[in-house]
Amino acid sequence: MKRLLGACALLSLLAGCATSHVIDPRGYDETGTASYYGARHHGKRTASGEPFDQHGLSAAHRELPFGTRVQVTNLSNDKTVVVRINDRGPHTRGRLIDLSRAAAEQLGMLRSGTARVRVQALSD
């Protein structure tokens, strides 16, 4: 019983550390590295509570509010895509945004797996 309580306390502490700081999306314009996630996560629940759809145009961001629409531009080929933030991440250091497979395909980054991108929040 003590082990179970200790495990619960540890998980609660870790969950609190993982909570993201949500920022105001107005004027958000950042450059960084994008990656994508696909088949392995397809159908699993996102941080927003909806199932992840690798064929949809969605993304994970550490700080932008769920539902924020952003334009992502691949800086090496100028291809763009508009995605909706519905998950938290990326969980890899040095990455700015994790895209769905469909979004990555539109940006022409499936082969490389990552791309240097510009992320701009759109006003509704």
PDB file of N, CA and C in Angstrom:
ATOM      1  N   MET A   1       0.819  -1.190   0.000  1.00  0.00           N
ATOM      2  CA  MET A   1       0.000   0.000   0.000  1.00  0.00           C
ATOM      3  C   MET A   1       0.866   1.258   0.000  1.00  0.00           C
ATOM      4  N   LYS A   2       1.960   1.224   0.794  1.00  0.00           N
ATOM      5  CA  LYS A   2       2.854   2.377   0.835  1.00  0.00           C
ATOM      6  C   LYS A   2       3.493   2.610  -0.532  1.00  0.00           C
ATOM      7  N   ARG A   3       3.829   1.519  -1.230  1.00  0.00           N
ATOM      8  CA  ARG A   3       4.413   1.652  -2.567  1.00  0.00           C
ATOM      9  C   ARG A   3       3.432   2.312  -3.523  1.00  0.00           C
ATOM     10  N   LEU A   4       2.173   1.901  -3.448  1.00  0.00           N
ATOM     11  CA  LEU A   4       1.143   2.463  -4.319  1.00  0.00           C
ATOM     12  C   LEU A   4       0.970   3.959  -4.052  1.00  0.00           C
ATOM     13  N   LEU A   5       0.910   4.340  -2.781  1.00  0.00           N
ATOM     14  CA  LEU A   5       0.782   5.755  -2.433  1.00  0.00           C
ATOM     15  C   LEU A   5       2.014   6.539  -2.874  1.00  0.00           C
ATOM     16  N   GLY A   6       3.173   5.957  -2.708  1.00  0.00           N
ATOM     17  CA  GLY A   6       4.404   6.611  -3.147  1.00  0.00           C
ATOM     18  C   GLY A   6       4.437   6.791  -4.658  1.00  0.00           C
ATOM     19  N   ALA A   7       3.990   5.774  -5.385  1.00  0.00           N
ATOM     20  CA  ALA A   7       3.950   5.860  -6.852  1.00  0.00           C
ATOM     21  C   ALA A   7       2.968   6.932  -7.294  1.00  0.00           C
ATOM     22  N   CYS A   8       1.812   6.999  -6.627  1.00  0.00           N
ATOM     23  CA  CYS A   8       0.817   8.025  -6.963  1.00  0.00           C
ATOM     24  C   CYS A   8       1.365   9.431  -6.699  1.00  0.00           C
ATOM     25  N   ALA A   9       2.049   9.585  -5.579  1.00  0.00           N
ATOM     26  CA  ALA A   9       2.636  10.887  -5.254  1.00  0.00           C
ATOM     27  C   ALA A   9       3.686  11.280  -6.286  1.00  0.00           C
ATOM     28  N   LEU A  10       4.513  10.343  -6.705  1.00  0.00           N
ATOM     29  CA  LEU A  10       5.548  10.612  -7.705  1.00  0.00           C
ATOM     30  C   LEU A  10       4.922  10.984  -9.047  1.00  0.00           C
ATOM     31  N   LEU A  11       3.900  10.253  -9.449  1.00  0.00           N
ATOM     32  CA  LEU A  11       3.224  10.558 -10.714  1.00  0.00           C
ATOM     33  C   LEU A  11       2.570  11.930 -10.675  1.00  0.00           C
ATOM     34  N   SER A  12       1.975  12.292  -9.547  1.00  0.00           N
ATOM     35  CA  SER A  12       1.362  13.611  -9.404  1.00  0.00           C
ATOM     36  C   SER A  12       2.407  14.712  -9.521  1.00  0.00           C
ATOM     37  N   LEU A  13       3.543  14.497  -8.907  1.00  0.00           N
ATOM     38  CA  LEU A  13       4.631  15.464  -8.972  1.00  0.00           C
ATOM     39  C   LEU A  13       5.130  15.613 -10.401  1.00  0.00           C
ATOM     40  N   LEU A  14       5.329  14.489 -11.089  1.00  0.00           N
ATOM     41  CA  LEU A  14       5.801  14.533 -12.469  1.00  0.00           C
ATOM     42  C   LEU A  14       4.780  15.175 -13.392  1.00  0.00           C
ATOM     43  N   ALA A  15       3.514  14.917 -13.186  1.00  0.00           N
ATOM     44  CA  ALA A  15       2.462  15.525 -14.006  1.00  0.00           C
ATOM     45  C   ALA A  15       2.457  17.037 -13.821  1.00  0.00           C
ATOM     46  N   GLY A  16       2.677  17.480 -12.611  1.00  0.00           N
ATOM     47  CA  GLY A  16       2.746  18.917 -12.353  1.00  0.00           C
ATOM     48  C   GLY A  16       3.921  19.558 -13.044  1.00  0.00           C
ATOM     49  N   CYS A  17       5.034  18.872 -13.134  1.00  0.00           N
ATOM     50  CA  CYS A  17       6.218  19.388 -13.809  1.00  0.00           C
ATOM     51  C   CYS A  17       6.017  19.444 -15.319  1.00  0.00           C
ATOM     52  N   ALA A  18       5.163  18.589 -15.850  1.00  0.00           N
ATOM     53  CA  ALA A  18       4.964  18.509 -17.292  1.00  0.00           C
ATOM     54  C   ALA A  18       3.939  19.515 -17.797  1.00  0.00           C
ATOM     55  N   THR A  19       3.258  20.202 -16.881  1.00  0.00           N
ATOM     56  CA  THR A  19       2.234  21.149 -17.295  1.00  0.00           C
ATOM     57  C   THR A  19       2.872  22.280 -18.082  1.00  0.00           C
ATOM     58  N   SER A  20       2.297  22.595 -19.238  1.00  0.00           N
ATOM     59  CA  SER A  20       2.827  23.641 -20.098  1.00  0.00           C
ATOM     60  C   SER A  20       2.297  24.999 -19.685  1.00  0.00           C
ATOM     61  N   HIS A  21       3.070  25.999 -19.957  1.00  0.00           N
ATOM     62  CA  HIS A  21       2.665  27.377 -19.768  1.00  0.00           C
ATOM     63  C   HIS A  21       2.012  27.818 -21.066  1.00  0.00           C
ATOM     64  N   VAL A  22       0.735  28.199 -21.028  1.00  0.00           N
ATOM     65  CA  VAL A  22       0.009  28.603 -22.229  1.00  0.00           C
ATOM     66  C   VAL A  22       0.222  30.098 -22.445  1.00  0.00           C
ATOM     67  N   ILE A  23       0.528  30.472 -23.698  1.00  0.00           N
ATOM     68  CA  ILE A  23       0.806  31.870 -24.027  1.00  0.00           C
ATOM     69  C   ILE A  23      -0.300  32.459 -24.892  1.00  0.00           C
ATOM     70  N   ASP A  24      -0.316  33.759 -24.999  1.00  0.00           N
ATOM     71  CA  ASP A  24      -1.252  34.465 -25.867  1.00  0.00           C
ATOM     72  C   ASP A  24      -0.765  34.294 -27.310  1.00  0.00           C
ATOM     73  N   PRO A  25      -1.596  33.747 -28.187  1.00  0.00           N
ATOM     74  CA  PRO A  25      -1.141  33.488 -29.552  1.00  0.00           C
ATOM     75  C   PRO A  25      -1.056  34.726 -30.436  1.00  0.00           C
ATOM     76  N   ARG A  26      -1.666  35.840 -30.016  1.00  0.00           N
ATOM     77  CA  ARG A  26      -1.666  37.041 -30.857  1.00  0.00           C
ATOM     78  C   ARG A  26      -0.242  37.499 -31.149  1.00  0.00           C
ATOM     79  N   GLY A  27       0.073  37.603 -32.432  1.00  0.00           N
ATOM     80  CA  GLY A  27       1.396  38.059 -32.832  1.00  0.00           C
ATOM     81  C   GLY A  27       2.472  36.996 -32.784  1.00  0.00           C
ATOM     82  N   TYR A  28       2.100  35.751 -32.462  1.00  0.00           N
ATOM     83  CA  TYR A  28       3.103  34.687 -32.365  1.00  0.00           C
ATOM     84  C   TYR A  28       3.739  34.468 -33.732  1.00  0.00           C
ATOM     85  N   ASP A  29       5.067  34.532 -33.786  1.00  0.00           N
ATOM     86  CA  ASP A  29       5.829  34.365 -35.023  1.00  0.00           C
ATOM     87  C   ASP A  29       7.221  33.885 -34.634  1.00  0.00           C
ATOM     88  N   GLU A  30       7.445  32.586 -34.766  1.00  0.00           N
ATOM     89  CA  GLU A  30       8.718  31.995 -34.350  1.00  0.00           C
ATOM     90  C   GLU A  30       9.295  31.121 -35.453  1.00  0.00           C
ATOM     91  N   THR A  31      10.604  30.997 -35.449  1.00  0.00           N
ATOM     92  CA  THR A  31      11.313  30.129 -36.383  1.00  0.00           C
ATOM     93  C   THR A  31      12.015  29.043 -35.588  1.00  0.00           C
ATOM     94  N   GLY A  32      11.964  27.815 -36.110  1.00  0.00           N
ATOM     95  CA  GLY A  32      12.608  26.707 -35.417  1.00  0.00           C
ATOM     96  C   GLY A  32      12.500  25.430 -36.229  1.00  0.00           C
ATOM     97  N   THR A  33      12.709  24.316 -35.560  1.00  0.00           N
ATOM     98  CA  THR A  33      12.691  23.016 -36.224  1.00  0.00           C
ATOM     99  C   THR A  33      11.362  22.311 -35.988  1.00  0.00           C
ATOM    100  N   ALA A  34      10.790  21.810 -37.083  1.00  0.00           N
ATOM    101  CA  ALA A  34       9.564  21.022 -37.012  1.00  0.00           C
ATOM    102  C   ALA A  34       9.892  19.563 -37.242  1.00  0.00           C
ATOM    103  N   SER A  35       9.115  18.704 -36.637  1.00  0.00           N
ATOM    104  CA  SER A  35       9.184  17.264 -36.887  1.00  0.00           C
ATOM    105  C   SER A  35       7.740  16.810 -37.058  1.00  0.00           C
ATOM    106  N   TYR A  36       7.545  15.517 -37.306  1.00  0.00           N
ATOM    107  CA  TYR A  36       6.177  15.039 -37.434  1.00  0.00           C
ATOM    108  C   TYR A  36       6.014  13.702 -36.743  1.00  0.00           C
ATOM    109  N   TYR A  37       4.778  13.395 -36.411  1.00  0.00           N
ATOM    110  CA  TYR A  37       4.452  12.106 -35.823  1.00  0.00           C
ATOM    111  C   TYR A  37       3.265  11.527 -36.562  1.00  0.00           C
ATOM    112  N   GLY A  38       3.234  10.221 -36.682  1.00  0.00           N
ATOM    113  CA  GLY A  38       2.233   9.619 -37.538  1.00  0.00           C
ATOM    114  C   GLY A  38       1.661   8.325 -37.025  1.00  0.00           C
ATOM    115  N   ALA A  39       1.901   7.248 -37.764  1.00  0.00           N
ATOM    116  CA  ALA A  39       1.223   5.966 -37.572  1.00  0.00           C
ATOM    117  C   ALA A  39       1.272   5.441 -36.137  1.00  0.00           C
ATOM    118  N   ARG A  40       2.381   5.572 -35.476  1.00  0.00           N
ATOM    119  CA  ARG A  40       2.521   5.033 -34.122  1.00  0.00           C
ATOM    120  C   ARG A  40       1.557   5.688 -33.132  1.00  0.00           C
ATOM    121  N   HIS A  41       1.198   6.945 -33.401  1.00  0.00           N
ATOM    122  CA  HIS A  41       0.325   7.692 -32.490  1.00  0.00           C
ATOM    123  C   HIS A  41      -1.111   7.782 -32.992  1.00  0.00           C
ATOM    124  N   HIS A  42      -1.355   7.324 -34.209  1.00  0.00           N
ATOM    125  CA  HIS A  42      -2.683   7.447 -34.822  1.00  0.00           C
ATOM    126  C   HIS A  42      -3.754   6.803 -33.932  1.00  0.00           C
ATOM    127  N   GLY A  43      -4.801   7.572 -33.643  1.00  0.00           N
ATOM    128  CA  GLY A  43      -5.904   7.082 -32.823  1.00  0.00           C
ATOM    129  C   GLY A  43      -5.728   7.280 -31.328  1.00  0.00           C
ATOM    130  N   LYS A  44      -4.511   7.557 -30.882  1.00  0.00           N
ATOM    131  CA  LYS A  44      -4.293   7.783 -29.451  1.00  0.00           C
ATOM    132  C   LYS A  44      -4.798   9.163 -29.066  1.00  0.00           C
ATOM    133  N   ARG A  45      -5.164   9.315 -27.817  1.00  0.00           N
ATOM    134  CA  ARG A  45      -5.719  10.569 -27.332  1.00  0.00           C
ATOM    135  C   ARG A  45      -4.623  11.633 -27.225  1.00  0.00           C
ATOM    136  N   THR A  46      -4.941  12.839 -27.725  1.00  0.00           N
ATOM    137  CA  THR A  46      -4.029  13.969 -27.616  1.00  0.00           C
ATOM    138  C   THR A  46      -4.241  14.661 -26.274  1.00  0.00           C
ATOM    139  N   ALA A  47      -3.389  15.623 -25.966  1.00  0.00           N
ATOM    140  CA  ALA A  47      -3.519  16.363 -24.710  1.00  0.00           C
ATOM    141  C   ALA A  47      -4.826  17.141 -24.644  1.00  0.00           C
ATOM    142  N   SER A  48      -5.402  17.479 -25.799  1.00  0.00           N
ATOM    143  CA  SER A  48      -6.679  18.204 -25.804  1.00  0.00           C
ATOM    144  C   SER A  48      -7.862  17.263 -25.591  1.00  0.00           C
ATOM    145  N   GLY A  49      -7.614  15.959 -25.645  1.00  0.00           N
ATOM    146  CA  GLY A  49      -8.662  14.978 -25.421  1.00  0.00           C
ATOM    147  C   GLY A  49      -9.197  14.333 -26.683  1.00  0.00           C
ATOM    148  N   GLU A  50      -8.874  14.885 -27.831  1.00  0.00           N
ATOM    149  CA  GLU A  50      -9.362  14.297 -29.079  1.00  0.00           C
ATOM    150  C   GLU A  50      -8.373  13.258 -29.598  1.00  0.00           C
ATOM    151  N   PRO A  51      -8.835  12.308 -30.386  1.00  0.00           N
ATOM    152  CA  PRO A  51      -7.917  11.311 -30.936  1.00  0.00           C
ATOM    153  C   PRO A  51      -7.015  11.929 -32.001  1.00  0.00           C
ATOM    154  N   PHE A  52      -5.765  11.503 -32.027  1.00  0.00           N
ATOM    155  CA  PHE A  52      -4.823  11.996 -33.028  1.00  0.00           C
ATOM    156  C   PHE A  52      -5.134  11.347 -34.373  1.00  0.00           C
ATOM    157  N   ASP A  53      -5.191  12.176 -35.417  1.00  0.00           N
ATOM    158  CA  ASP A  53      -5.445  11.710 -36.773  1.00  0.00           C
ATOM    159  C   ASP A  53      -4.252  12.094 -37.638  1.00  0.00           C
ATOM    160  N   GLN A  54      -3.443  11.108 -38.008  1.00  0.00           N
ATOM    161  CA  GLN A  54      -2.255  11.407 -38.813  1.00  0.00           C
ATOM    162  C   GLN A  54      -2.609  11.962 -40.186  1.00  0.00           C
ATOM    163  N   HIS A  55      -3.866  11.783 -40.615  1.00  0.00           N
ATOM    164  CA  HIS A  55      -4.300  12.268 -41.925  1.00  0.00           C
ATOM    165  C   HIS A  55      -4.909  13.665 -41.855  1.00  0.00           C
ATOM    166  N   GLY A  56      -5.096  14.185 -40.645  1.00  0.00           N
ATOM    167  CA  GLY A  56      -5.639  15.528 -40.458  1.00  0.00           C
ATOM    168  C   GLY A  56      -4.522  16.558 -40.412  1.00  0.00           C
ATOM    169  N   LEU A  57      -4.915  17.810 -40.401  1.00  0.00           N
ATOM    170  CA  LEU A  57      -3.931  18.905 -40.347  1.00  0.00           C
ATOM    171  C   LEU A  57      -3.909  19.474 -38.934  1.00  0.00           C
ATOM    172  N   SER A  58      -3.089  18.856 -38.103  1.00  0.00           N
ATOM    173  CA  SER A  58      -2.993  19.265 -36.708  1.00  0.00           C
ATOM    174  C   SER A  58      -1.528  19.271 -36.285  1.00  0.00           C
ATOM    175  N   ALA A  59      -1.301  19.774 -35.048  1.00  0.00           N
ATOM    176  CA  ALA A  59       0.074  19.889 -34.560  1.00  0.00           C
ATOM    177  C   ALA A  59       0.112  19.924 -33.037  1.00  0.00           C
ATOM    178  N   ALA A  60       1.297  19.635 -32.533  1.00  0.00           N
ATOM    179  CA  ALA A  60       1.569  19.741 -31.099  1.00  0.00           C
ATOM    180  C   ALA A  60       2.517  20.911 -30.880  1.00  0.00           C
ATOM    181  N   HIS A  61       2.193  21.722 -29.878  1.00  0.00           N
ATOM    182  CA  HIS A  61       3.042  22.859 -29.513  1.00  0.00           C
ATOM    183  C   HIS A  61       3.069  22.937 -27.995  1.00  0.00           C
ATOM    184  N   ARG A  62       4.189  23.347 -27.440  1.00  0.00           N
ATOM    185  CA  ARG A  62       4.322  23.374 -25.985  1.00  0.00           C
ATOM    186  C   ARG A  62       3.460  24.437 -25.311  1.00  0.00           C
ATOM    187  N   GLU A  63       3.265  25.589 -25.966  1.00  0.00           N
ATOM    188  CA  GLU A  63       2.661  26.727 -25.265  1.00  0.00           C
ATOM    189  C   GLU A  63       1.418  27.332 -25.911  1.00  0.00           C
ATOM    190  N   LEU A  64       1.210  27.161 -27.191  1.00  0.00           N
ATOM    191  CA  LEU A  64       0.046  27.770 -27.830  1.00  0.00           C
ATOM    192  C   LEU A  64      -1.234  27.078 -27.365  1.00  0.00           C
ATOM    193  N   PRO A  65      -2.312  27.836 -27.178  1.00  0.00           N
ATOM    194  CA  PRO A  65      -3.575  27.238 -26.708  1.00  0.00           C
ATOM    195  C   PRO A  65      -4.146  26.252 -27.717  1.00  0.00           C
ATOM    196  N   PHE A  66      -4.840  25.241 -27.211  1.00  0.00           N
ATOM    197  CA  PHE A  66      -5.525  24.298 -28.084  1.00  0.00           C
ATOM    198  C   PHE A  66      -6.522  25.081 -28.948  1.00  0.00           C
ATOM    199  N   GLY A  67      -6.619  24.677 -30.209  1.00  0.00           N
ATOM    200  CA  GLY A  67      -7.525  25.334 -31.130  1.00  0.00           C
ATOM    201  C   GLY A  67      -6.889  26.458 -31.928  1.00  0.00           C
ATOM    202  N   THR A  68      -5.700  26.902 -31.516  1.00  0.00           N
ATOM    203  CA  THR A  68      -5.014  27.958 -32.264  1.00  0.00           C
ATOM    204  C   THR A  68      -4.649  27.448 -33.650  1.00  0.00           C
ATOM    205  N   ARG A  69      -4.963  28.237 -34.652  1.00  0.00           N
ATOM    206  CA  ARG A  69      -4.572  27.895 -36.023  1.00  0.00           C
ATOM    207  C   ARG A  69      -3.288  28.625 -36.339  1.00  0.00           C
ATOM    208  N   VAL A  70      -2.319  27.894 -36.890  1.00  0.00           N
ATOM    209  CA  VAL A  70      -1.035  28.485 -37.248  1.00  0.00           C
ATOM    210  C   VAL A  70      -0.686  28.133 -38.687  1.00  0.00           C
ATOM    211  N   GLN A  71       0.008  29.067 -39.328  1.00  0.00           N
ATOM    212  CA  GLN A  71       0.555  28.788 -40.654  1.00  0.00           C
ATOM    213  C   GLN A  71       2.005  28.381 -40.452  1.00  0.00           C
ATOM    214  N   VAL A  72       2.366  27.244 -41.022  1.00  0.00           N
ATOM    215  CA  VAL A  72       3.728  26.740 -40.924  1.00  0.00           C
ATOM    216  C   VAL A  72       4.344  26.802 -42.316  1.00  0.00           C
ATOM    217  N   THR A  73       5.505  27.428 -42.422  1.00  0.00           N
ATOM    218  CA  THR A  73       6.203  27.567 -43.695  1.00  0.00           C
ATOM    219  C   THR A  73       7.530  26.836 -43.630  1.00  0.00           C
ATOM    220  N   ASN A  74       7.762  25.924 -44.573  1.00  0.00           N
ATOM    221  CA  ASN A  74       9.045  25.235 -44.690  1.00  0.00           C
ATOM    222  C   ASN A  74      10.009  26.230 -45.331  1.00  0.00           C
ATOM    223  N   LEU A  75      11.033  26.630 -44.614  1.00  0.00           N
ATOM    224  CA  LEU A  75      11.935  27.676 -45.083  1.00  0.00           C
ATOM    225  C   LEU A  75      12.854  27.226 -46.211  1.00  0.00           C
ATOM    226  N   SER A  76      12.946  25.921 -46.450  1.00  0.00           N
ATOM    227  CA  SER A  76      13.818  25.457 -47.540  1.00  0.00           C
ATOM    228  C   SER A  76      13.104  25.388 -48.883  1.00  0.00           C
ATOM    229  N   ASN A  77      11.752  25.352 -48.875  1.00  0.00           N
ATOM    230  CA  ASN A  77      11.038  25.258 -50.155  1.00  0.00           C
ATOM    231  C   ASN A  77       9.825  26.192 -50.242  1.00  0.00           C
ATOM    232  N   ASP A  78       9.584  26.987 -49.211  1.00  0.00           N
ATOM    233  CA  ASP A  78       8.474  27.951 -49.138  1.00  0.00           C
ATOM    234  C   ASP A  78       7.082  27.331 -49.203  1.00  0.00           C
ATOM    235  N   LYS A  79       6.964  26.027 -48.999  1.00  0.00           N
ATOM    236  CA  LYS A  79       5.636  25.408 -48.934  1.00  0.00           C
ATOM    237  C   LYS A  79       5.022  25.735 -47.587  1.00  0.00           C
ATOM    238  N   THR A  80       3.684  25.929 -47.576  1.00  0.00           N
ATOM    239  CA  THR A  80       2.998  26.278 -46.335  1.00  0.00           C
ATOM    240  C   THR A  80       1.809  25.352 -46.094  1.00  0.00           C
ATOM    241  N   VAL A  81       1.411  25.281 -44.841  1.00  0.00           N
ATOM    242  CA  VAL A  81       0.233  24.538 -44.434  1.00  0.00           C
ATOM    243  C   VAL A  81      -0.351  25.230 -43.203  1.00  0.00           C
ATOM    244  N   VAL A  82      -1.669  25.186 -43.073  1.00  0.00           N
ATOM    245  CA  VAL A  82      -2.334  25.711 -41.879  1.00  0.00           C
ATOM    246  C   VAL A  82      -2.781  24.516 -41.047  1.00  0.00           C
ATOM    247  N   VAL A  83      -2.390  24.516 -39.779  1.00  0.00           N
ATOM    248  CA  VAL A  83      -2.734  23.430 -38.862  1.00  0.00           C
ATOM    249  C   VAL A  83      -3.377  24.004 -37.613  1.00  0.00           C
ATOM    250  N   ARG A  84      -4.068  23.135 -36.885  1.00  0.00           N
ATOM    251  CA  ARG A  84      -4.700  23.503 -35.613  1.00  0.00           C
ATOM    252  C   ARG A  84      -3.954  22.804 -34.485  1.00  0.00           C
ATOM    253  N   ILE A  85      -3.626  23.542 -33.451  1.00  0.00           N
ATOM    254  CA  ILE A  85      -2.928  22.982 -32.288  1.00  0.00           C
ATOM    255  C   ILE A  85      -3.927  22.169 -31.466  1.00  0.00           C
ATOM    256  N   ASN A  86      -3.623  20.875 -31.276  1.00  0.00           N
ATOM    257  CA  ASN A  86      -4.514  20.026 -30.479  1.00  0.00           C
ATOM    258  C   ASN A  86      -3.746  19.092 -29.535  1.00  0.00           C
ATOM    259  N   ASP A  87      -2.431  19.320 -29.426  1.00  0.00           N
ATOM    260  CA  ASP A  87      -1.628  18.434 -28.576  1.00  0.00           C
ATOM    261  C   ASP A  87      -0.464  19.217 -27.994  1.00  0.00           C
ATOM    262  N   ARG A  88       0.178  18.642 -26.998  1.00  0.00           N
ATOM    263  CA  ARG A  88       1.366  19.239 -26.386  1.00  0.00           C
ATOM    264  C   ARG A  88       2.603  18.505 -26.881  1.00  0.00           C
ATOM    265  N   GLY A  89       3.648  19.226 -27.060  1.00  0.00           N
ATOM    266  CA  GLY A  89       4.902  18.692 -27.561  1.00  0.00           C
ATOM    267  C   GLY A  89       5.565  19.789 -28.367  1.00  0.00           C
ATOM    268  N   PRO A  90       6.604  19.538 -29.046  1.00  0.00           N
ATOM    269  CA  PRO A  90       7.313  18.267 -29.147  1.00  0.00           C
ATOM    270  C   PRO A  90       8.065  17.948 -27.853  1.00  0.00           C
ATOM    271  N   HIS A  91       8.347  16.684 -27.697  1.00  0.00           N
ATOM    272  CA  HIS A  91       9.043  16.229 -26.498  1.00  0.00           C
ATOM    273  C   HIS A  91      10.524  16.029 -26.741  1.00  0.00           C
ATOM    274  N   THR A  92      10.987  16.424 -27.907  1.00  0.00           N
ATOM    275  CA  THR A  92      12.410  16.362 -28.232  1.00  0.00           C
ATOM    276  C   THR A  92      12.992  17.760 -28.116  1.00  0.00           C
ATOM    277  N   ARG A  93      14.071  17.882 -27.386  1.00  0.00           N
ATOM    278  CA  ARG A  93      14.717  19.167 -27.162  1.00  0.00           C
ATOM    279  C   ARG A  93      15.108  19.809 -28.500  1.00  0.00           C
ATOM    280  N   GLY A  94      14.903  21.107 -28.594  1.00  0.00           N
ATOM    281  CA  GLY A  94      15.303  21.845 -29.779  1.00  0.00           C
ATOM    282  C   GLY A  94      14.269  21.885 -30.890  1.00  0.00           C
ATOM    283  N   ARG A  95      13.114  21.279 -30.673  1.00  0.00           N
ATOM    284  CA  ARG A  95      12.057  21.291 -31.683  1.00  0.00           C
ATOM    285  C   ARG A  95      10.987  22.302 -31.287  1.00  0.00           C
ATOM    286  N   LEU A  96      10.427  22.971 -32.281  1.00  0.00           N
ATOM    287  CA  LEU A  96       9.415  23.996 -32.051  1.00  0.00           C
ATOM    288  C   LEU A  96       7.997  23.440 -32.152  1.00  0.00           C
ATOM    289  N   ILE A  97       7.761  22.542 -33.106  1.00  0.00           N
ATOM    290  CA  ILE A  97       6.412  22.058 -33.370  1.00  0.00           C
ATOM    291  C   ILE A  97       6.481  20.645 -33.919  1.00  0.00           C
ATOM    292  N   ASP A  98       5.504  19.826 -33.555  1.00  0.00           N
ATOM    293  CA  ASP A  98       5.326  18.473 -34.102  1.00  0.00           C
ATOM    294  C   ASP A  98       4.079  18.498 -34.966  1.00  0.00           C
ATOM    295  N   LEU A  99       4.216  18.104 -36.207  1.00  0.00           N
ATOM    296  CA  LEU A  99       3.109  18.145 -37.161  1.00  0.00           C
ATOM    297  C   LEU A  99       2.533  16.761 -37.396  1.00  0.00           C
ATOM    298  N   SER A 100       1.280  16.726 -37.833  1.00  0.00           N
ATOM    299  CA  SER A 100       0.714  15.452 -38.278  1.00  0.00           C
ATOM    300  C   SER A 100       1.420  15.043 -39.562  1.00  0.00           C
ATOM    301  N   ARG A 101       1.299  13.776 -39.914  1.00  0.00           N
ATOM    302  CA  ARG A 101       1.942  13.273 -41.135  1.00  0.00           C
ATOM    303  C   ARG A 101       1.425  14.009 -42.365  1.00  0.00           C
ATOM    304  N   ALA A 102       0.119  14.274 -42.415  1.00  0.00           N
ATOM    305  CA  ALA A 102      -0.463  14.973 -43.563  1.00  0.00           C
ATOM    306  C   ALA A 102       0.114  16.383 -43.713  1.00  0.00           C
ATOM    307  N   ALA A 103       0.301  17.072 -42.605  1.00  0.00           N
ATOM    308  CA  ALA A 103       0.881  18.421 -42.648  1.00  0.00           C
ATOM    309  C   ALA A 103       2.332  18.361 -43.107  1.00  0.00           C
ATOM    310  N   ALA A 104       3.076  17.385 -42.596  1.00  0.00           N
ATOM    311  CA  ALA A 104       4.477  17.224 -42.998  1.00  0.00           C
ATOM    312  C   ALA A 104       4.585  16.917 -44.487  1.00  0.00           C
ATOM    313  N   GLU A 105       3.642  16.143 -44.979  1.00  0.00           N
ATOM    314  CA  GLU A 105       3.636  15.805 -46.405  1.00  0.00           C
ATOM    315  C   GLU A 105       3.419  17.067 -47.244  1.00  0.00           C
ATOM    316  N   GLN A 106       2.495  17.913 -46.829  1.00  0.00           N
ATOM    317  CA  GLN A 106       2.258  19.159 -47.570  1.00  0.00           C
ATOM    318  C   GLN A 106       3.464  20.085 -47.552  1.00  0.00           C
ATOM    319  N   LEU A 107       4.262  19.983 -46.500  1.00  0.00           N
ATOM    320  CA  LEU A 107       5.463  20.816 -46.401  1.00  0.00           C
ATOM    321  C   LEU A 107       6.670  20.189 -47.103  1.00  0.00           C
ATOM    322  N   GLY A 108       6.517  18.960 -47.586  1.00  0.00           N
ATOM    323  CA  GLY A 108       7.616  18.295 -48.273  1.00  0.00           C
ATOM    324  C   GLY A 108       8.744  17.871 -47.359  1.00  0.00           C
ATOM    325  N   MET A 109       8.397  17.441 -46.146  1.00  0.00           N
ATOM    326  CA  MET A 109       9.443  17.072 -45.176  1.00  0.00           C
ATOM    327  C   MET A 109       9.351  15.626 -44.707  1.00  0.00           C
ATOM    328  N   LEU A 110       8.596  14.799 -45.387  1.00  0.00           N
ATOM    329  CA  LEU A 110       8.483  13.397 -44.971  1.00  0.00           C
ATOM    330  C   LEU A 110       9.816  12.674 -45.064  1.00  0.00           C
ATOM    331  N   ARG A 111      10.533  12.887 -46.115  1.00  0.00           N
ATOM    332  CA  ARG A 111      11.802  12.183 -46.329  1.00  0.00           C
ATOM    333  C   ARG A 111      12.848  12.546 -45.274  1.00  0.00           C
ATOM    334  N   SER A 112      12.971  13.835 -44.983  1.00  0.00           N
ATOM    335  CA  SER A 112      13.985  14.291 -44.026  1.00  0.00           C
ATOM    336  C   SER A 112      13.555  14.080 -42.576  1.00  0.00           C
ATOM    337  N   GLY A 113      12.240  14.139 -42.321  1.00  0.00           N
ATOM    338  CA  GLY A 113      11.742  13.962 -40.959  1.00  0.00           C
ATOM    339  C   GLY A 113      11.683  15.236 -40.152  1.00  0.00           C
ATOM    340  N   THR A 114      12.510  16.195 -40.496  1.00  0.00           N
ATOM    341  CA  THR A 114      12.504  17.498 -39.831  1.00  0.00           C
ATOM    342  C   THR A 114      12.707  18.581 -40.880  1.00  0.00           C
ATOM    343  N   ALA A 115      12.359  19.804 -40.509  1.00  0.00           N
ATOM    344  CA  ALA A 115      12.572  20.938 -41.405  1.00  0.00           C
ATOM    345  C   ALA A 115      12.650  22.214 -40.578  1.00  0.00           C
ATOM    346  N   ARG A 116      13.377  23.164 -41.093  1.00  0.00           N
ATOM    347  CA  ARG A 116      13.431  24.501 -40.485  1.00  0.00           C
ATOM    348  C   ARG A 116      12.173  25.226 -40.949  1.00  0.00           C
ATOM    349  N   VAL A 117      11.379  25.724 -40.000  1.00  0.00           N
ATOM    350  CA  VAL A 117      10.082  26.317 -40.320  1.00  0.00           C
ATOM    351  C   VAL A 117       9.867  27.652 -39.621  1.00  0.00           C
ATOM    352  N   ARG A 118       8.902  28.380 -40.168  1.00  0.00           N
ATOM    353  CA  ARG A 118       8.388  29.581 -39.513  1.00  0.00           C
ATOM    354  C   ARG A 118       6.957  29.269 -39.120  1.00  0.00           C
ATOM    355  N   VAL A 119       6.587  29.558 -37.872  1.00  0.00           N
ATOM    356  CA  VAL A 119       5.252  29.300 -37.351  1.00  0.00           C
ATOM    357  C   VAL A 119       4.628  30.629 -36.989  1.00  0.00           C
ATOM    358  N   GLN A 120       3.484  30.918 -37.620  1.00  0.00           N
ATOM    359  CA  GLN A 120       2.784  32.182 -37.388  1.00  0.00           C
ATOM    360  C   GLN A 120       1.336  31.892 -36.994  1.00  0.00           C
ATOM    361  N   ALA A 121       0.917  32.449 -35.855  1.00  0.00           N
ATOM    362  CA  ALA A 121      -0.465  32.276 -35.421  1.00  0.00           C
ATOM    363  C   ALA A 121      -1.371  33.100 -36.317  1.00  0.00           C
ATOM    364  N   LEU A 122      -2.535  32.532 -36.639  1.00  0.00           N
ATOM    365  CA  LEU A 122      -3.522  33.222 -37.467  1.00  0.00           C
ATOM    366  C   LEU A 122      -4.639  33.726 -36.574  1.00  0.00           C
ATOM    367  N   SER A 123      -5.168  34.887 -36.907  1.00  0.00           N
ATOM    368  CA  SER A 123      -6.314  35.390 -36.140  1.00  0.00           C
ATOM    369  C   SER A 123      -7.584  34.828 -36.727  1.00  0.00           C
ATOM    370  N   ASP A 124      -8.555  34.545 -35.872  1.00  0.00           N
ATOM    371  CA  ASP A 124      -9.817  33.955 -36.349  1.00  0.00           C
ATOM    372  C   ASP A 124     -10.784  34.994 -36.824  1.00  0.00           C
TER     373      ASP A 124
END
